[in-house]
Protein backbone atom coordinates (compact mmCIF):
# COMPACT_ATOMS: atom_id res chain seq x y z
CA MET A 1 285.69 199.63 170.49
CA LYS A 2 283.01 201.13 172.76
CA SER A 3 282.42 197.85 174.59
CA THR A 4 286.17 197.48 175.21
CA LEU A 5 286.45 201.00 176.59
CA LYS A 6 283.38 200.46 178.78
CA LYS A 7 284.93 197.27 180.17
CA LEU A 8 288.22 199.09 180.76
CA VAL A 9 286.54 201.99 182.62
CA SER A 10 284.58 199.60 184.83
CA ALA A 11 287.66 197.51 185.59
CA LEU A 12 289.77 200.51 186.55
CA LEU A 13 287.10 201.91 188.86
CA VAL A 14 286.55 198.59 190.60
CA VAL A 15 290.29 198.06 191.11
CA ALA A 16 290.78 201.59 192.45
CA MET A 17 287.92 201.35 194.92
CA ALA A 18 288.68 197.81 196.08
CA ALA A 19 292.39 198.48 196.54
CA GLY A 20 291.73 201.56 198.65
CA MET A 21 289.05 199.95 200.79
CA LEU A 22 290.93 196.72 201.49
CA ALA A 23 294.31 198.32 202.02
CA MET A 24 293.06 200.81 204.58
CA ALA A 25 290.50 198.66 206.40
CA PRO A 26 291.19 198.56 210.17
CA ALA A 27 292.69 195.31 211.48
CA SER A 28 290.10 195.07 214.27
CA GLU A 29 287.01 196.89 215.49
CA SER A 30 288.94 198.09 218.55
CA GLU A 31 291.29 200.14 216.36
CA ALA A 32 289.26 203.30 216.09
CA ALA A 33 291.12 205.52 213.62
CA SER A 34 290.54 209.19 212.94
CA MET A 35 289.26 210.34 209.58
CA SER A 36 291.87 210.59 206.83
CA TYR A 37 291.88 211.68 203.19
CA ASP A 38 294.21 213.18 200.58
CA LYS A 39 294.27 216.95 200.73
CA LYS A 40 295.74 217.05 197.25
CA MET A 41 295.89 214.56 194.39
CA THR A 42 296.80 214.28 190.71
CA ILE A 43 294.74 212.65 187.97
CA TYR A 44 296.20 211.91 184.53
CA LEU A 45 293.95 211.99 181.48
CA TRP A 46 293.60 208.64 179.72
CA GLY A 47 294.46 209.94 176.25
CA LYS A 48 295.94 212.85 174.36
CA SER A 49 293.76 215.56 172.82
CA GLY A 50 291.85 214.24 169.82
CA THR A 51 291.64 210.65 171.08
CA SER A 52 288.46 208.95 172.29
CA THR A 53 289.84 208.74 175.83
CA HIS A 54 290.66 212.41 176.41
CA TYR A 55 289.19 212.21 179.92
CA ALA A 56 289.72 210.20 183.11
CA TYR A 57 287.91 208.84 186.12
CA GLY A 58 289.29 209.04 189.62
CA GLY A 59 288.19 209.54 193.16
CA ILE A 60 288.85 210.77 196.68
CA GLU A 61 288.91 208.14 199.43
CA ILE A 62 287.79 209.25 202.88
CA HIS A 63 288.66 206.70 205.55
CA ASN A 64 286.74 206.49 208.83
CA PRO A 65 284.28 209.35 208.27
CA SER A 66 281.99 209.88 211.25
CA LYS A 67 278.99 209.93 208.93
CA SER A 68 278.11 208.92 205.37
CA ILE A 69 278.77 211.62 202.78
CA LYS A 70 275.84 212.85 200.72
CA ALA A 71 276.30 213.64 197.03
CA SER A 72 274.46 216.92 197.58
CA ASN A 73 277.21 217.96 200.01
CA VAL A 74 280.06 217.63 197.49
CA THR A 75 281.00 220.43 195.07
CA SER A 76 283.71 221.20 192.51
CA SER A 77 285.07 224.73 192.18
CA HIS A 78 285.71 224.15 188.46
CA PRO A 79 283.30 221.53 187.09
CA SER A 80 284.59 222.20 183.57
CA VAL A 81 287.87 220.62 184.75
CA VAL A 82 286.65 218.06 187.29
CA GLU A 83 283.05 217.03 187.73
CA VAL A 84 281.68 215.19 190.77
CA SER A 85 279.86 212.17 189.38
CA GLY A 86 278.70 210.50 192.59
CA VAL A 87 279.46 209.28 196.10
CA ASP A 88 279.81 205.72 197.41
CA ASN A 89 279.71 204.93 201.13
CA ASP A 90 280.99 201.54 202.30
CA LYS A 91 280.00 201.08 205.93
CA LYS A 92 281.73 197.70 206.23
CA TYR A 93 285.18 199.12 205.51
CA LYS A 94 284.33 202.60 206.83
CA VAL A 95 285.28 204.27 203.57
CA SER A 96 283.52 206.90 201.49
CA TYR A 97 284.54 207.39 197.86
CA ILE A 98 283.86 210.58 195.90
CA ASP A 99 283.71 209.71 192.20
CA LEU A 100 285.37 212.25 189.91
CA TYR A 101 285.25 212.75 186.16
CA ALA A 102 288.26 214.70 184.83
CA LYS A 103 287.53 216.53 181.58
CA LYS A 104 290.66 218.56 180.83
CA THR A 105 293.93 219.75 182.34
CA GLY A 106 293.71 222.24 185.16
CA THR A 107 292.91 222.35 188.88
CA SER A 108 289.76 222.24 190.94
CA LYS A 109 288.95 222.21 194.64
CA ILE A 110 286.57 219.48 195.73
CA THR A 111 284.70 220.46 198.88
CA PHE A 112 282.70 217.93 200.89
CA LYS A 113 280.90 217.87 204.20
CA VAL A 114 281.05 215.21 206.88
CA GLY A 115 278.31 216.12 209.29
CA SER A 116 278.52 219.89 209.61
CA LYS A 117 282.25 220.21 208.95
CA LYS A 118 283.73 221.02 205.53
CA TYR A 119 286.87 219.52 204.00
CA THR A 120 288.73 220.26 200.76
CA THR A 121 290.91 218.34 198.34
CA LYS A 122 292.86 220.09 195.59
CA VAL A 123 292.74 218.02 192.40
CA THR A 124 295.25 218.64 189.61
CA VAL A 125 294.51 217.16 186.20
CA LYS A 126 297.51 216.56 183.95
CA GLY A 127 297.70 215.53 180.31
CA TYR A 128 298.28 211.96 179.22
CA THR A 129 301.84 210.65 179.08
CA ASN A 130 302.90 207.08 178.41
CA PRO A 131 304.48 205.71 181.64
CA ALA A 132 305.65 202.41 180.11
CA LYS A 133 309.18 202.04 178.75
CA THR A 134 309.20 198.30 178.09
CA VAL A 135 306.35 195.84 177.56
CA LYS A 136 307.21 192.55 175.88
CA VAL A 137 305.03 189.44 175.60
CA THR A 138 306.30 186.17 174.12
CA GLY A 139 304.83 185.65 170.65
CA VAL A 140 303.26 189.12 170.38
CA ASN A 141 304.70 191.59 167.86
CA LYS A 142 307.56 189.12 167.28
CA GLY A 143 308.55 189.55 170.91
CA LYS A 144 309.40 193.22 170.33
CA ASN A 145 308.56 196.09 172.65
CA ILE A 146 304.86 197.10 172.49
CA ALA A 147 305.09 199.95 175.03
CA GLY A 148 304.90 202.46 172.17
CA LYS A 149 301.42 201.22 171.30
CA THR A 150 300.08 203.30 174.21
CA LYS A 151 301.83 206.46 173.08
CA LYS A 152 298.55 208.36 172.61
CA ARG A 153 296.07 206.61 174.92
CA ILE A 154 296.02 204.09 177.75
CA ALA A 155 294.60 201.16 175.77
CA TYR A 156 295.66 199.41 172.59
CA GLU A 157 293.61 196.71 170.85
CA GLY A 158 294.43 194.37 167.99
CA LEU A 159 297.64 192.74 169.15
CA LYS A 160 297.94 189.20 167.79
CA LEU A 161 299.43 186.01 169.13
CA THR A 162 300.83 184.28 166.04
CA LYS A 163 300.68 180.81 167.56
CA THR A 164 300.24 179.04 170.89
CA ARG A 165 303.25 179.71 173.11
CA LYS A 166 304.43 177.59 176.02
CA LYS A 167 306.44 179.11 178.86
CA ALA A 168 305.43 182.61 177.74
CA THR A 169 306.73 185.61 179.67
CA LEU A 170 305.90 189.27 180.18
CA LYS A 171 308.66 191.85 180.63
CA VAL A 172 307.80 195.29 182.00
CA LYS A 173 309.75 198.41 182.92
CA ALA A 174 308.54 201.89 183.83
CA LYS A 175 309.83 205.09 182.26
CA LYS A 176 312.06 207.43 184.23
CA GLY A 177 310.06 209.23 186.89
CA TRP A 178 307.52 206.38 187.22
CA ARG A 179 307.27 203.20 189.26
CA LEU A 180 305.40 200.02 188.43
CA ILE A 181 302.95 199.26 191.23
CA ARG A 182 300.62 196.59 189.81
CA VAL A 183 300.63 193.96 187.05
CA GLU A 184 297.58 192.00 185.95
CA VAL A 185 297.37 189.58 183.03
CA ALA A 186 294.00 187.90 182.49
CA ASP A 187 292.55 185.33 180.08
CA TYR A 188 289.13 186.67 178.98
CA THR A 189 288.13 183.79 176.68
CA LYS A 190 285.31 182.44 178.88
CA TYR A 191 285.54 183.98 182.32
CA PRO A 192 288.28 186.34 183.55
CA LYS A 193 291.11 184.25 184.94
CA ASP A 194 294.26 185.88 186.31
CA LEU A 195 297.52 184.52 184.96
CA VAL A 196 299.47 187.12 186.92
CA TYR A 197 298.34 189.49 189.66
CA LYS A 198 301.20 191.24 191.41
CA THR A 199 301.33 194.42 193.48
CA TYR A 200 304.27 196.43 194.82
CA ALA A 201 303.67 198.50 197.94
CA LYS A 202 306.48 200.94 197.15
CA GLY A 203 306.59 200.35 193.40
CA THR A 204 309.59 199.25 191.38
CA SER A 205 311.75 200.92 188.74
CA LYS A 206 313.47 197.67 187.73
CA GLN A 207 312.61 195.62 184.67
CA MET A 208 310.42 192.78 185.87
CA THR A 209 309.78 189.41 184.21
CA TYR A 210 306.64 187.36 184.84
CA SER A 211 305.83 183.78 183.84
CA LEU A 212 302.50 183.50 181.99
CA GLY A 213 302.50 179.77 181.37
CA THR A 214 300.90 178.76 178.06
CA LEU A 215 299.29 181.44 175.89
CA LYS A 216 296.84 179.96 173.38
CA LYS A 217 296.33 181.48 169.94
CA SER A 218 292.55 180.97 170.19
CA HIS A 219 292.25 182.83 173.51
CA SER A 220 291.88 186.53 174.33
CA TYR A 221 294.12 188.22 176.87
CA GLU A 222 294.40 191.56 178.63
CA VAL A 223 297.62 192.96 180.07
CA GLN A 224 296.91 195.78 182.52
CA LEU A 225 299.79 197.70 184.10
CA THR A 226 299.52 200.38 186.76
CA PHE A 227 302.24 202.99 187.24
CA LYS A 228 302.72 205.71 189.86
CA ASN A 229 304.48 208.99 189.23
CA LYS A 230 307.31 209.56 191.72
CA LYS A 231 306.78 213.33 191.86
CA THR A 232 303.01 213.80 191.80
CA GLY A 233 301.85 210.47 193.24
CA GLY A 234 299.31 210.22 190.42
CA GLU A 235 298.57 206.78 188.99
CA LEU A 236 298.09 205.75 185.37
CA ASP A 237 297.27 202.44 183.69
CA THR A 238 298.23 201.08 180.30
CA CYS A 239 296.27 198.16 178.82
CA TYR A 240 297.12 195.86 175.93
CA TYR A 241 294.52 193.54 174.36
CA ILE A 242 295.75 190.43 172.61
CA ASN A 243 293.70 188.56 169.94
């Protein structure tokens, strides 16, 4: 259980940082952009109260800062709600990333300095809510909807593939008020191998169907879905582990 959660946390942080850095990287060195960052953001906890994931990790991306940001120059007005856990500066992509650890619902102002100037981001932490309406995988749970498995927390382990399935599919649909923005299905048997990796710039509210090819009973799979709330802009993942 702990190793799975550790792997999940690491994967989510890597995806969040990489997506932000690559998406916002300038097309050429001649395109000198001004510094940009979110002045407000929403983080959703990864589990309901009483679960082992009643917390969340997130971060503030600062694009094109004039100088690297020092961890000593970043503070949280309410560390009992949101704690600053570190700072990463990527000079290649000209992005600084303030790592945040959300502990409970509430708000906190994150203040950081770039050079001698101060900037602030208001962070709102909301409770966990399941953003998935439909998640169906051929041969798993008799093909029935497994979205309810993440009713209390973002990850569910112990799903079984009853037998090897050819031409397997994944069907996904977001709940009302959410959009699906990324789908990743990976085979973790030996080395992570993506069966599906799909992103949607604006997100989609439609039910989507993805071809997975052959799913083998003896293999282990992870289905990771990323949703974005239409109102708050906050993102939330749900993960399903098979075999």
